[in-house]
Amino acid sequence: MREFGELEAAIMEVMWAAHDPCAVREVRERLHYNRPVAYTTVMTVMDILHRKGVLRRDKHGRAWRYWPAEAREAHDARLMTEALRSGGDERVTMRRFLECVSDDEMESLRNAVRDASSARLALN
């Protein structure tokens, strides 16, 4: 499941690294991409990302200023949840996923499950 094309992903890297909303010009200046990209191309792709609901925007003078609709981690977690629930047997999907992760990732998953379980118990 891949949500972004290459240029969209490069733009989102800039957006997630920014501490404040950015104008298209600022994003283009900070963009790390394998070839030069025109201002109008960056503007069009950012408009597409806004229409997808991934970026928010507000008008400042004549320019739009953009910021991510959600933090990178929340975005990634949402994609993982969508992939898990996209069809098929969830238990088999989880098992196949767990077979693919490294030992360090498995330990991180154990810690995350423990923390999430503790947080749920605290709410009840």
PDB file of N, CA and C in Angstrom:
ATOM      1  N   MET A   1       0.859  -1.170   0.000  1.00  0.00           N
ATOM      2  CA  MET A   1       0.000   0.000   0.000  1.00  0.00           C
ATOM      3  C   MET A   1       0.907   1.236   0.000  1.00  0.00           C
ATOM      4  N   ARG A   2       0.880   1.976  -1.079  1.00  0.00           N
ATOM      5  CA  ARG A   2       1.740   3.144  -1.226  1.00  0.00           C
ATOM      6  C   ARG A   2       0.869   4.352  -1.472  1.00  0.00           C
ATOM      7  N   GLU A   3       0.909   5.279  -0.552  1.00  0.00           N
ATOM      8  CA  GLU A   3       0.035   6.437  -0.683  1.00  0.00           C
ATOM      9  C   GLU A   3       0.641   7.538  -1.542  1.00  0.00           C
ATOM     10  N   PHE A   4       1.959   7.708  -1.512  1.00  0.00           N
ATOM     11  CA  PHE A   4       2.596   8.823  -2.188  1.00  0.00           C
ATOM     12  C   PHE A   4       3.438   8.372  -3.370  1.00  0.00           C
ATOM     13  N   GLY A   5       3.436   9.205  -4.412  1.00  0.00           N
ATOM     14  CA  GLY A   5       4.407   9.053  -5.473  1.00  0.00           C
ATOM     15  C   GLY A   5       5.738   9.625  -4.996  1.00  0.00           C
ATOM     16  N   GLU A   6       6.772   9.539  -5.820  1.00  0.00           N
ATOM     17  CA  GLU A   6       8.111   9.985  -5.402  1.00  0.00           C
ATOM     18  C   GLU A   6       8.161  11.469  -5.043  1.00  0.00           C
ATOM     19  N   LEU A   7       7.600  12.325  -5.887  1.00  0.00           N
ATOM     20  CA  LEU A   7       7.637  13.757  -5.605  1.00  0.00           C
ATOM     21  C   LEU A   7       6.761  14.093  -4.404  1.00  0.00           C
ATOM     22  N   GLU A   8       5.601  13.452  -4.300  1.00  0.00           N
ATOM     23  CA  GLU A   8       4.747  13.673  -3.137  1.00  0.00           C
ATOM     24  C   GLU A   8       5.490  13.298  -1.850  1.00  0.00           C
ATOM     25  N   ALA A   9       6.180  12.166  -1.868  1.00  0.00           N
ATOM     26  CA  ALA A   9       6.935  11.726  -0.689  1.00  0.00           C
ATOM     27  C   ALA A   9       8.038  12.726  -0.346  1.00  0.00           C
ATOM     28  N   ALA A  10       8.732  13.251  -1.358  1.00  0.00           N
ATOM     29  CA  ALA A  10       9.793  14.228  -1.112  1.00  0.00           C
ATOM     30  C   ALA A  10       9.218  15.510  -0.507  1.00  0.00           C
ATOM     31  N   ILE A  11       8.071  15.932  -1.000  1.00  0.00           N
ATOM     32  CA  ILE A  11       7.415  17.126  -0.452  1.00  0.00           C
ATOM     33  C   ILE A  11       6.980  16.871   0.984  1.00  0.00           C
ATOM     34  N   MET A  12       6.427  15.700   1.258  1.00  0.00           N
ATOM     35  CA  MET A  12       5.995  15.394   2.624  1.00  0.00           C
ATOM     36  C   MET A  12       7.186  15.316   3.572  1.00  0.00           C
ATOM     37  N   GLU A  13       8.342  14.876   3.091  1.00  0.00           N
ATOM     38  CA  GLU A  13       9.550  14.882   3.930  1.00  0.00           C
ATOM     39  C   GLU A  13       9.849  16.311   4.386  1.00  0.00           C
ATOM     40  N   VAL A  14       9.763  17.257   3.451  1.00  0.00           N
ATOM     41  CA  VAL A  14       9.991  18.664   3.781  1.00  0.00           C
ATOM     42  C   VAL A  14       8.945  19.149   4.769  1.00  0.00           C
ATOM     43  N   MET A  15       7.691  18.811   4.516  1.00  0.00           N
ATOM     44  CA  MET A  15       6.603  19.290   5.369  1.00  0.00           C
ATOM     45  C   MET A  15       6.722  18.741   6.790  1.00  0.00           C
ATOM     46  N   TRP A  16       7.039  17.452   6.925  1.00  0.00           N
ATOM     47  CA  TRP A  16       7.159  16.872   8.261  1.00  0.00           C
ATOM     48  C   TRP A  16       8.383  17.399   9.001  1.00  0.00           C
ATOM     49  N   ALA A  17       9.408  17.816   8.282  1.00  0.00           N
ATOM     50  CA  ALA A  17      10.608  18.358   8.924  1.00  0.00           C
ATOM     51  C   ALA A  17      10.432  19.830   9.326  1.00  0.00           C
ATOM     52  N   ALA A  18       9.479  20.514   8.721  1.00  0.00           N
ATOM     53  CA  ALA A  18       9.262  21.936   8.997  1.00  0.00           C
ATOM     54  C   ALA A  18       8.609  22.120  10.364  1.00  0.00           C
ATOM     55  N   HIS A  19       8.958  23.218  10.998  1.00  0.00           N
ATOM     56  CA  HIS A  19       8.379  23.518  12.312  1.00  0.00           C
ATOM     57  C   HIS A  19       7.192  24.468  12.213  1.00  0.00           C
ATOM     58  N   ASP A  20       7.049  25.094  11.069  1.00  0.00           N
ATOM     59  CA  ASP A  20       5.978  26.055  10.838  1.00  0.00           C
ATOM     60  C   ASP A  20       5.374  25.812   9.462  1.00  0.00           C
ATOM     61  N   PRO A  21       4.192  26.364   9.198  1.00  0.00           N
ATOM     62  CA  PRO A  21       3.626  26.261   7.846  1.00  0.00           C
ATOM     63  C   PRO A  21       4.584  26.834   6.815  1.00  0.00           C
ATOM     64  N   CYS A  22       4.561  26.263   5.616  1.00  0.00           N
ATOM     65  CA  CYS A  22       5.492  26.649   4.548  1.00  0.00           C
ATOM     66  C   CYS A  22       4.751  27.070   3.293  1.00  0.00           C
ATOM     67  N   ALA A  23       5.310  28.062   2.625  1.00  0.00           N
ATOM     68  CA  ALA A  23       4.844  28.444   1.299  1.00  0.00           C
ATOM     69  C   ALA A  23       5.482  27.503   0.278  1.00  0.00           C
ATOM     70  N   VAL A  24       4.905  27.428  -0.891  1.00  0.00           N
ATOM     71  CA  VAL A  24       5.425  26.565  -1.958  1.00  0.00           C
ATOM     72  C   VAL A  24       6.891  26.874  -2.238  1.00  0.00           C
ATOM     73  N   ARG A  25       7.239  28.144  -2.291  1.00  0.00           N
ATOM     74  CA  ARG A  25       8.620  28.557  -2.553  1.00  0.00           C
ATOM     75  C   ARG A  25       9.581  27.952  -1.530  1.00  0.00           C
ATOM     76  N   GLU A  26       9.203  27.968  -0.250  1.00  0.00           N
ATOM     77  CA  GLU A  26      10.058  27.412   0.800  1.00  0.00           C
ATOM     78  C   GLU A  26      10.223  25.903   0.638  1.00  0.00           C
ATOM     79  N   VAL A  27       9.136  25.231   0.298  1.00  0.00           N
ATOM     80  CA  VAL A  27       9.198  23.784   0.102  1.00  0.00           C
ATOM     81  C   VAL A  27      10.116  23.467  -1.071  1.00  0.00           C
ATOM     82  N   ARG A  28       9.970  24.198  -2.162  1.00  0.00           N
ATOM     83  CA  ARG A  28      10.818  23.962  -3.343  1.00  0.00           C
ATOM     84  C   ARG A  28      12.293  24.172  -3.011  1.00  0.00           C
ATOM     85  N   GLU A  29      12.602  25.185  -2.213  1.00  0.00           N
ATOM     86  CA  GLU A  29      13.991  25.455  -1.825  1.00  0.00           C
ATOM     87  C   GLU A  29      14.587  24.335  -0.970  1.00  0.00           C
ATOM     88  N   ARG A  30      13.770  23.708  -0.148  1.00  0.00           N
ATOM     89  CA  ARG A  30      14.245  22.671   0.774  1.00  0.00           C
ATOM     90  C   ARG A  30      14.148  21.264   0.196  1.00  0.00           C
ATOM     91  N   LEU A  31      13.550  21.145  -0.970  1.00  0.00           N
ATOM     92  CA  LEU A  31      13.252  19.853  -1.571  1.00  0.00           C
ATOM     93  C   LEU A  31      14.520  19.099  -1.977  1.00  0.00           C
ATOM     94  N   HIS A  32      14.598  17.844  -1.589  1.00  0.00           N
ATOM     95  CA  HIS A  32      15.673  16.943  -2.023  1.00  0.00           C
ATOM     96  C   HIS A  32      15.046  15.943  -2.980  1.00  0.00           C
ATOM     97  N   TYR A  33      15.308  16.149  -4.261  1.00  0.00           N
ATOM     98  CA  TYR A  33      14.707  15.316  -5.292  1.00  0.00           C
ATOM     99  C   TYR A  33      15.786  15.054  -6.335  1.00  0.00           C
ATOM    100  N   ASN A  34      15.639  13.983  -7.084  1.00  0.00           N
ATOM    101  CA  ASN A  34      16.704  13.567  -8.001  1.00  0.00           C
ATOM    102  C   ASN A  34      16.858  14.449  -9.242  1.00  0.00           C
ATOM    103  N   ARG A  35      16.000  15.432  -9.406  1.00  0.00           N
ATOM    104  CA  ARG A  35      16.128  16.357 -10.534  1.00  0.00           C
ATOM    105  C   ARG A  35      15.459  17.675 -10.171  1.00  0.00           C
ATOM    106  N   PRO A  36      15.781  18.765 -10.878  1.00  0.00           N
ATOM    107  CA  PRO A  36      15.135  20.053 -10.597  1.00  0.00           C
ATOM    108  C   PRO A  36      13.628  19.968 -10.850  1.00  0.00           C
ATOM    109  N   VAL A  37      12.874  20.657 -10.022  1.00  0.00           N
ATOM    110  CA  VAL A  37      11.417  20.644 -10.151  1.00  0.00           C
ATOM    111  C   VAL A  37      10.934  22.090 -10.225  1.00  0.00           C
ATOM    112  N   ALA A  38      10.074  22.380 -11.187  1.00  0.00           N
ATOM    113  CA  ALA A  38       9.543  23.729 -11.368  1.00  0.00           C
ATOM    114  C   ALA A  38       8.637  24.121 -10.203  1.00  0.00           C
ATOM    115  N   TYR A  39       8.608  25.403  -9.925  1.00  0.00           N
ATOM    116  CA  TYR A  39       7.740  25.944  -8.880  1.00  0.00           C
ATOM    117  C   TYR A  39       6.291  25.508  -9.112  1.00  0.00           C
ATOM    118  N   THR A  40       5.822  25.611 -10.358  1.00  0.00           N
ATOM    119  CA  THR A  40       4.421  25.274 -10.646  1.00  0.00           C
ATOM    120  C   THR A  40       4.141  23.789 -10.416  1.00  0.00           C
ATOM    121  N   THR A  41       5.148  22.949 -10.617  1.00  0.00           N
ATOM    122  CA  THR A  41       4.972  21.511 -10.357  1.00  0.00           C
ATOM    123  C   THR A  41       4.813  21.271  -8.865  1.00  0.00           C
ATOM    124  N   VAL A  42       5.662  21.909  -8.061  1.00  0.00           N
ATOM    125  CA  VAL A  42       5.555  21.766  -6.601  1.00  0.00           C
ATOM    126  C   VAL A  42       4.201  22.294  -6.138  1.00  0.00           C
ATOM    127  N   MET A  43       3.779  23.434  -6.686  1.00  0.00           N
ATOM    128  CA  MET A  43       2.489  24.017  -6.327  1.00  0.00           C
ATOM    129  C   MET A  43       1.339  23.064  -6.661  1.00  0.00           C
ATOM    130  N   THR A  44       1.381  22.466  -7.834  1.00  0.00           N
ATOM    131  CA  THR A  44       0.330  21.524  -8.244  1.00  0.00           C
ATOM    132  C   THR A  44       0.298  20.300  -7.343  1.00  0.00           C
ATOM    133  N   VAL A  45       1.462  19.738  -7.033  1.00  0.00           N
ATOM    134  CA  VAL A  45       1.512  18.540  -6.198  1.00  0.00           C
ATOM    135  C   VAL A  45       1.051  18.862  -4.778  1.00  0.00           C
ATOM    136  N   MET A  46       1.410  20.025  -4.270  1.00  0.00           N
ATOM    137  CA  MET A  46       0.949  20.401  -2.933  1.00  0.00           C
ATOM    138  C   MET A  46      -0.561  20.610  -2.911  1.00  0.00           C
ATOM    139  N   ASP A  47      -1.123  21.130  -3.989  1.00  0.00           N
ATOM    140  CA  ASP A  47      -2.575  21.256  -4.090  1.00  0.00           C
ATOM    141  C   ASP A  47      -3.223  19.867  -4.097  1.00  0.00           C
ATOM    142  N   ILE A  48      -2.626  18.932  -4.806  1.00  0.00           N
ATOM    143  CA  ILE A  48      -3.134  17.547  -4.822  1.00  0.00           C
ATOM    144  C   ILE A  48      -3.078  16.950  -3.422  1.00  0.00           C
ATOM    145  N   LEU A  49      -1.961  17.151  -2.721  1.00  0.00           N
ATOM    146  CA  LEU A  49      -1.840  16.636  -1.353  1.00  0.00           C
ATOM    147  C   LEU A  49      -2.868  17.281  -0.430  1.00  0.00           C
ATOM    148  N   HIS A  50      -3.180  18.552  -0.670  1.00  0.00           N
ATOM    149  CA  HIS A  50      -4.238  19.210   0.103  1.00  0.00           C
ATOM    150  C   HIS A  50      -5.595  18.571  -0.180  1.00  0.00           C
ATOM    151  N   ARG A  51      -5.884  18.323  -1.454  1.00  0.00           N
ATOM    152  CA  ARG A  51      -7.165  17.699  -1.813  1.00  0.00           C
ATOM    153  C   ARG A  51      -7.279  16.273  -1.278  1.00  0.00           C
ATOM    154  N   LYS A  52      -6.146  15.583  -1.135  1.00  0.00           N
ATOM    155  CA  LYS A  52      -6.133  14.241  -0.540  1.00  0.00           C
ATOM    156  C   LYS A  52      -6.351  14.290   0.977  1.00  0.00           C
ATOM    157  N   GLY A  53      -6.240  15.493   1.553  1.00  0.00           N
ATOM    158  CA  GLY A  53      -6.410  15.643   2.996  1.00  0.00           C
ATOM    159  C   GLY A  53      -5.140  15.449   3.797  1.00  0.00           C
ATOM    160  N   VAL A  54      -4.004  15.367   3.121  1.00  0.00           N
ATOM    161  CA  VAL A  54      -2.724  15.133   3.795  1.00  0.00           C
ATOM    162  C   VAL A  54      -2.105  16.453   4.249  1.00  0.00           C
ATOM    163  N   LEU A  55      -2.358  17.523   3.502  1.00  0.00           N
ATOM    164  CA  LEU A  55      -1.883  18.857   3.880  1.00  0.00           C
ATOM    165  C   LEU A  55      -3.076  19.756   4.167  1.00  0.00           C
ATOM    166  N   ARG A  56      -2.893  20.660   5.102  1.00  0.00           N
ATOM    167  CA  ARG A  56      -3.851  21.735   5.380  1.00  0.00           C
ATOM    168  C   ARG A  56      -3.217  23.006   4.812  1.00  0.00           C
ATOM    169  N   ARG A  57      -4.041  24.036   4.594  1.00  0.00           N
ATOM    170  CA  ARG A  57      -3.483  25.286   4.085  1.00  0.00           C
ATOM    171  C   ARG A  57      -4.324  26.468   4.522  1.00  0.00           C
ATOM    172  N   ASP A  58      -3.664  27.623   4.495  1.00  0.00           N
ATOM    173  CA  ASP A  58      -4.310  28.878   4.843  1.00  0.00           C
ATOM    174  C   ASP A  58      -3.684  29.953   3.958  1.00  0.00           C
ATOM    175  N   LYS A  59      -4.501  30.882   3.528  1.00  0.00           N
ATOM    176  CA  LYS A  59      -4.028  31.949   2.637  1.00  0.00           C
ATOM    177  C   LYS A  59      -3.326  33.032   3.454  1.00  0.00           C
ATOM    178  N   HIS A  60      -2.108  33.393   3.044  1.00  0.00           N
ATOM    179  CA  HIS A  60      -1.348  34.487   3.641  1.00  0.00           C
ATOM    180  C   HIS A  60      -0.961  35.426   2.515  1.00  0.00           C
ATOM    181  N   GLY A  61      -1.656  36.542   2.418  1.00  0.00           N
ATOM    182  CA  GLY A  61      -1.434  37.448   1.288  1.00  0.00           C
ATOM    183  C   GLY A  61      -1.873  36.755   0.012  1.00  0.00           C
ATOM    184  N   ARG A  62      -0.974  36.665  -0.941  1.00  0.00           N
ATOM    185  CA  ARG A  62      -1.297  36.007  -2.209  1.00  0.00           C
ATOM    186  C   ARG A  62      -0.900  34.540  -2.224  1.00  0.00           C
ATOM    187  N   ALA A  63      -0.174  34.088  -1.211  1.00  0.00           N
ATOM    188  CA  ALA A  63       0.344  32.712  -1.213  1.00  0.00           C
ATOM    189  C   ALA A  63      -0.365  31.844  -0.178  1.00  0.00           C
ATOM    190  N   TRP A  64      -0.456  30.571  -0.484  1.00  0.00           N
ATOM    191  CA  TRP A  64      -0.940  29.595   0.483  1.00  0.00           C
ATOM    192  C   TRP A  64       0.226  29.160   1.357  1.00  0.00           C
ATOM    193  N   ARG A  65      -0.046  28.906   2.630  1.00  0.00           N
ATOM    194  CA  ARG A  65       0.938  28.307   3.542  1.00  0.00           C
ATOM    195  C   ARG A  65       0.370  26.960   3.942  1.00  0.00           C
ATOM    196  N   TYR A  66       1.191  25.945   3.844  1.00  0.00           N
ATOM    197  CA  TYR A  66       0.774  24.560   4.048  1.00  0.00           C
ATOM    198  C   TYR A  66       1.431  23.966   5.297  1.00  0.00           C
ATOM    199  N   TRP A  67       0.741  23.000   5.905  1.00  0.00           N
ATOM    200  CA  TRP A  67       1.298  22.216   7.006  1.00  0.00           C
ATOM    201  C   TRP A  67       0.661  20.834   6.964  1.00  0.00           C
ATOM    202  N   PRO A  68       1.319  19.830   7.539  1.00  0.00           N
ATOM    203  CA  PRO A  68       0.769  18.467   7.508  1.00  0.00           C
ATOM    204  C   PRO A  68      -0.526  18.370   8.311  1.00  0.00           C
ATOM    205  N   ALA A  69      -1.452  17.588   7.814  1.00  0.00           N
ATOM    206  CA  ALA A  69      -2.715  17.359   8.512  1.00  0.00           C
ATOM    207  C   ALA A  69      -2.520  16.475   9.739  1.00  0.00           C
ATOM    208  N   GLU A  70      -1.477  15.659   9.725  1.00  0.00           N
ATOM    209  CA  GLU A  70      -1.176  14.800  10.868  1.00  0.00           C
ATOM    210  C   GLU A  70       0.331  14.577  10.939  1.00  0.00           C
ATOM    211  N   ALA A  71       0.810  14.242  12.114  1.00  0.00           N
ATOM    212  CA  ALA A  71       2.228  13.947  12.289  1.00  0.00           C
ATOM    213  C   ALA A  71       2.592  12.711  11.476  1.00  0.00           C
ATOM    214  N   ARG A  72       3.846  12.610  11.104  1.00  0.00           N
ATOM    215  CA  ARG A  72       4.319  11.472  10.310  1.00  0.00           C
ATOM    216  C   ARG A  72       3.945  10.145  10.986  1.00  0.00           C
ATOM    217  N   GLU A  73       4.168  10.042  12.284  1.00  0.00           N
ATOM    218  CA  GLU A  73       3.894   8.790  12.993  1.00  0.00           C
ATOM    219  C   GLU A  73       2.406   8.441  12.973  1.00  0.00           C
ATOM    220  N   ALA A  74       1.541   9.444  13.132  1.00  0.00           N
ATOM    221  CA  ALA A  74       0.099   9.202  13.059  1.00  0.00           C
ATOM    222  C   ALA A  74      -0.295   8.777  11.649  1.00  0.00           C
ATOM    223  N   HIS A  75       0.309   9.403  10.663  1.00  0.00           N
ATOM    224  CA  HIS A  75       0.053   9.050   9.261  1.00  0.00           C
ATOM    225  C   HIS A  75       0.452   7.593   8.992  1.00  0.00           C
ATOM    226  N   ASP A  76       1.672   7.238   9.417  1.00  0.00           N
ATOM    227  CA  ASP A  76       2.154   5.869   9.200  1.00  0.00           C
ATOM    228  C   ASP A  76       1.292   4.850   9.935  1.00  0.00           C
ATOM    229  N   ALA A  77       0.892   5.178  11.160  1.00  0.00           N
ATOM    230  CA  ALA A  77       0.037   4.267  11.935  1.00  0.00           C
ATOM    231  C   ALA A  77      -1.310   4.074  11.244  1.00  0.00           C
ATOM    232  N   ARG A  78      -1.855   5.155  10.680  1.00  0.00           N
ATOM    233  CA  ARG A  78      -3.131   5.047   9.961  1.00  0.00           C
ATOM    234  C   ARG A  78      -2.992   4.143   8.739  1.00  0.00           C
ATOM    235  N   LEU A  79      -1.882   4.301   8.003  1.00  0.00           N
ATOM    236  CA  LEU A  79      -1.654   3.452   6.830  1.00  0.00           C
ATOM    237  C   LEU A  79      -1.503   1.980   7.238  1.00  0.00           C
ATOM    238  N   MET A  80      -0.799   1.733   8.338  1.00  0.00           N
ATOM    239  CA  MET A  80      -0.623   0.358   8.813  1.00  0.00           C
ATOM    240  C   MET A  80      -1.970  -0.254   9.192  1.00  0.00           C
ATOM    241  N   THR A  81      -2.813   0.538   9.851  1.00  0.00           N
ATOM    242  CA  THR A  81      -4.140   0.058  10.240  1.00  0.00           C
ATOM    243  C   THR A  81      -4.993  -0.228   9.009  1.00  0.00           C
ATOM    244  N   GLU A  82      -4.937   0.668   8.029  1.00  0.00           N
ATOM    245  CA  GLU A  82      -5.693   0.459   6.789  1.00  0.00           C
ATOM    246  C   GLU A  82      -5.218  -0.799   6.073  1.00  0.00           C
ATOM    247  N   ALA A  83      -3.902  -1.027   6.049  1.00  0.00           N
ATOM    248  CA  ALA A  83      -3.372  -2.226   5.396  1.00  0.00           C
ATOM    249  C   ALA A  83      -3.838  -3.481   6.129  1.00  0.00           C
ATOM    250  N   LEU A  84      -3.796  -3.454   7.446  1.00  0.00           N
ATOM    251  CA  LEU A  84      -4.218  -4.607   8.236  1.00  0.00           C
ATOM    252  C   LEU A  84      -5.685  -4.936   7.995  1.00  0.00           C
ATOM    253  N   ARG A  85      -6.499  -3.911   7.864  1.00  0.00           N
ATOM    254  CA  ARG A  85      -7.951  -4.102   7.731  1.00  0.00           C
ATOM    255  C   ARG A  85      -8.427  -4.140   6.284  1.00  0.00           C
ATOM    256  N   SER A  86      -7.515  -4.179   5.332  1.00  0.00           N
ATOM    257  CA  SER A  86      -7.896  -4.060   3.924  1.00  0.00           C
ATOM    258  C   SER A  86      -8.480  -5.334   3.336  1.00  0.00           C
ATOM    259  N   GLY A  87      -8.489  -6.384   4.046  1.00  0.00           N
ATOM    260  CA  GLY A  87      -9.060  -7.628   3.541  1.00  0.00           C
ATOM    261  C   GLY A  87      -8.194  -8.797   3.942  1.00  0.00           C
ATOM    262  N   GLY A  88      -8.697  -9.959   3.728  1.00  0.00           N
ATOM    263  CA  GLY A  88      -7.949 -11.141   4.124  1.00  0.00           C
ATOM    264  C   GLY A  88      -8.068 -11.375   5.624  1.00  0.00           C
ATOM    265  N   ASP A  89      -7.376 -12.378   6.086  1.00  0.00           N
ATOM    266  CA  ASP A  89      -7.408 -12.765   7.483  1.00  0.00           C
ATOM    267  C   ASP A  89      -6.415 -11.904   8.262  1.00  0.00           C
ATOM    268  N   GLU A  90      -6.907 -11.071   9.186  1.00  0.00           N
ATOM    269  CA  GLU A  90      -6.043 -10.159   9.935  1.00  0.00           C
ATOM    270  C   GLU A  90      -4.969 -10.905  10.720  1.00  0.00           C
ATOM    271  N   ARG A  91      -5.313 -12.068  11.268  1.00  0.00           N
ATOM    272  CA  ARG A  91      -4.332 -12.835  12.053  1.00  0.00           C
ATOM    273  C   ARG A  91      -3.184 -13.316  11.163  1.00  0.00           C
ATOM    274  N   VAL A  92      -3.529 -13.778   9.967  1.00  0.00           N
ATOM    275  CA  VAL A  92      -2.494 -14.236   9.036  1.00  0.00           C
ATOM    276  C   VAL A  92      -1.647 -13.046   8.582  1.00  0.00           C
ATOM    277  N   THR A  93      -2.299 -11.928   8.303  1.00  0.00           N
ATOM    278  CA  THR A  93      -1.576 -10.731   7.895  1.00  0.00           C
ATOM    279  C   THR A  93      -0.600 -10.302   8.987  1.00  0.00           C
ATOM    280  N   MET A  94      -1.058 -10.272  10.243  1.00  0.00           N
ATOM    281  CA  MET A  94      -0.164  -9.900  11.350  1.00  0.00           C
ATOM    282  C   MET A  94       0.996 -10.879  11.477  1.00  0.00           C
ATOM    283  N   ARG A  95       0.711 -12.165  11.356  1.00  0.00           N
ATOM    284  CA  ARG A  95       1.782 -13.160  11.460  1.00  0.00           C
ATOM    285  C   ARG A  95       2.813 -12.953  10.353  1.00  0.00           C
ATOM    286  N   ARG A  96       2.356 -12.746   9.129  1.00  0.00           N
ATOM    287  CA  ARG A  96       3.286 -12.530   8.012  1.00  0.00           C
ATOM    288  C   ARG A  96       4.121 -11.266   8.248  1.00  0.00           C
ATOM    289  N   PHE A  97       3.468 -10.238   8.773  1.00  0.00           N
ATOM    290  CA  PHE A  97       4.193  -9.011   9.096  1.00  0.00           C
ATOM    291  C   PHE A  97       5.272  -9.289  10.133  1.00  0.00           C
ATOM    292  N   LEU A  98       4.924  -9.990  11.184  1.00  0.00           N
ATOM    293  CA  LEU A  98       5.877 -10.283  12.258  1.00  0.00           C
ATOM    294  C   LEU A  98       7.038 -11.140  11.771  1.00  0.00           C
ATOM    295  N   GLU A  99       6.799 -11.969  10.775  1.00  0.00           N
ATOM    296  CA  GLU A  99       7.878 -12.773  10.193  1.00  0.00           C
ATOM    297  C   GLU A  99       8.880 -11.910   9.427  1.00  0.00           C
ATOM    298  N   CYS A 100       8.467 -10.716   9.045  1.00  0.00           N
ATOM    299  CA  CYS A 100       9.315  -9.828   8.238  1.00  0.00           C
ATOM    300  C   CYS A 100      10.141  -8.850   9.065  1.00  0.00           C
ATOM    301  N   VAL A 101       9.800  -8.647  10.342  1.00  0.00           N
ATOM    302  CA  VAL A 101      10.492  -7.627  11.117  1.00  0.00           C
ATOM    303  C   VAL A 101      11.779  -8.167  11.736  1.00  0.00           C
ATOM    304  N   SER A 102      12.706  -7.268  11.992  1.00  0.00           N
ATOM    305  CA  SER A 102      13.986  -7.632  12.620  1.00  0.00           C
ATOM    306  C   SER A 102      13.778  -7.879  14.115  1.00  0.00           C
ATOM    307  N   ASP A 103      14.800  -8.401  14.760  1.00  0.00           N
ATOM    308  CA  ASP A 103      14.730  -8.627  16.206  1.00  0.00           C
ATOM    309  C   ASP A 103      14.536  -7.311  16.957  1.00  0.00           C
ATOM    310  N   ASP A 104      15.231  -6.263  16.540  1.00  0.00           N
ATOM    311  CA  ASP A 104      15.071  -4.956  17.194  1.00  0.00           C
ATOM    312  C   ASP A 104      13.654  -4.410  17.000  1.00  0.00           C
ATOM    313  N   GLU A 105      13.113  -4.569  15.796  1.00  0.00           N
ATOM    314  CA  GLU A 105      11.740  -4.128  15.539  1.00  0.00           C
ATOM    315  C   GLU A 105      10.749  -4.944  16.368  1.00  0.00           C
ATOM    316  N   MET A 106      11.015  -6.233  16.516  1.00  0.00           N
ATOM    317  CA  MET A 106      10.143  -7.088  17.326  1.00  0.00           C
ATOM    318  C   MET A 106      10.142  -6.616  18.776  1.00  0.00           C
ATOM    319  N   GLU A 107      11.302  -6.260  19.288  1.00  0.00           N
ATOM    320  CA  GLU A 107      11.383  -5.743  20.659  1.00  0.00           C
ATOM    321  C   GLU A 107      10.624  -4.425  20.789  1.00  0.00           C
ATOM    322  N   SER A 108      10.739  -3.566  19.790  1.00  0.00           N
ATOM    323  CA  SER A 108       9.975  -2.311  19.789  1.00  0.00           C
ATOM    324  C   SER A 108       8.480  -2.586  19.777  1.00  0.00           C
ATOM    325  N   LEU A 109       8.059  -3.575  18.999  1.00  0.00           N
ATOM    326  CA  LEU A 109       6.639  -3.945  18.956  1.00  0.00           C
ATOM    327  C   LEU A 109       6.176  -4.452  20.319  1.00  0.00           C
ATOM    328  N   ARG A 110       6.981  -5.296  20.957  1.00  0.00           N
ATOM    329  CA  ARG A 110       6.622  -5.796  22.298  1.00  0.00           C
ATOM    330  C   ARG A 110       6.430  -4.630  23.271  1.00  0.00           C
ATOM    331  N   ASN A 111       7.372  -3.689  23.243  1.00  0.00           N
ATOM    332  CA  ASN A 111       7.281  -2.527  24.127  1.00  0.00           C
ATOM    333  C   ASN A 111       6.044  -1.688  23.819  1.00  0.00           C
ATOM    334  N   ALA A 112       5.756  -1.507  22.539  1.00  0.00           N
ATOM    335  CA  ALA A 112       4.588  -0.718  22.142  1.00  0.00           C
ATOM    336  C   ALA A 112       3.298  -1.398  22.592  1.00  0.00           C
ATOM    337  N   VAL A 113       3.216  -2.711  22.458  1.00  0.00           N
ATOM    338  CA  VAL A 113       2.021  -3.451  22.903  1.00  0.00           C
ATOM    339  C   VAL A 113       1.869  -3.317  24.409  1.00  0.00           C
ATOM    340  N   ARG A 114       2.966  -3.458  25.129  1.00  0.00           N
ATOM    341  CA  ARG A 114       2.919  -3.334  26.589  1.00  0.00           C
ATOM    342  C   ARG A 114       2.459  -1.925  26.989  1.00  0.00           C
ATOM    343  N   ASP A 115       3.024  -0.904  26.356  1.00  0.00           N
ATOM    344  CA  ASP A 115       2.646   0.480  26.670  1.00  0.00           C
ATOM    345  C   ASP A 115       1.186   0.761  26.333  1.00  0.00           C
ATOM    346  N   ALA A 116       0.745   0.278  25.176  1.00  0.00           N
ATOM    347  CA  ALA A 116      -0.647   0.495  24.768  1.00  0.00           C
ATOM    348  C   ALA A 116      -1.603  -0.229  25.713  1.00  0.00           C
ATOM    349  N   SER A 117      -1.241  -1.428  26.135  1.00  0.00           N
ATOM    350  CA  SER A 117      -2.085  -2.179  27.078  1.00  0.00           C
ATOM    351  C   SER A 117      -2.170  -1.451  28.408  1.00  0.00           C
ATOM    352  N   SER A 118      -1.058  -0.939  28.884  1.00  0.00           N
ATOM    353  CA  SER A 118      -1.050  -0.182  30.142  1.00  0.00           C
ATOM    354  C   SER A 118      -1.912   1.069  30.030  1.00  0.00           C
ATOM    355  N   ALA A 119      -1.815   1.756  28.915  1.00  0.00           N
ATOM    356  CA  ALA A 119      -2.610   2.969  28.704  1.00  0.00           C
ATOM    357  C   ALA A 119      -4.103   2.645  28.674  1.00  0.00           C
ATOM    358  N   ARG A 120      -4.477   1.542  28.051  1.00  0.00           N
ATOM    359  CA  ARG A 120      -5.895   1.146  28.011  1.00  0.00           C
ATOM    360  C   ARG A 120      -6.404   0.798  29.405  1.00  0.00           C
ATOM    361  N   LEU A 121      -5.596   0.088  30.182  1.00  0.00           N
ATOM    362  CA  LEU A 121      -5.983  -0.267  31.549  1.00  0.00           C
ATOM    363  C   LEU A 121      -6.159   0.978  32.397  1.00  0.00           C
ATOM    364  N   ALA A 122      -5.306   1.964  32.203  1.00  0.00           N
ATOM    365  CA  ALA A 122      -5.392   3.213  32.974  1.00  0.00           C
ATOM    366  C   ALA A 122      -6.678   3.977  32.675  1.00  0.00           C
ATOM    367  N   LEU A 123      -7.192   3.837  31.453  1.00  0.00           N
ATOM    368  CA  LEU A 123      -8.424   4.524  31.067  1.00  0.00           C
ATOM    369  C   LEU A 123      -9.668   3.867  31.664  1.00  0.00           C
ATOM    370  N   ASN A 124      -9.570   2.600  31.975  1.00  0.00           N
ATOM    371  CA  ASN A 124     -10.745   1.872  32.506  1.00  0.00           C
ATOM    372  C   ASN A 124     -10.824   1.909  33.990  1.00  0.00           C
TER     373      ASN A 124
END
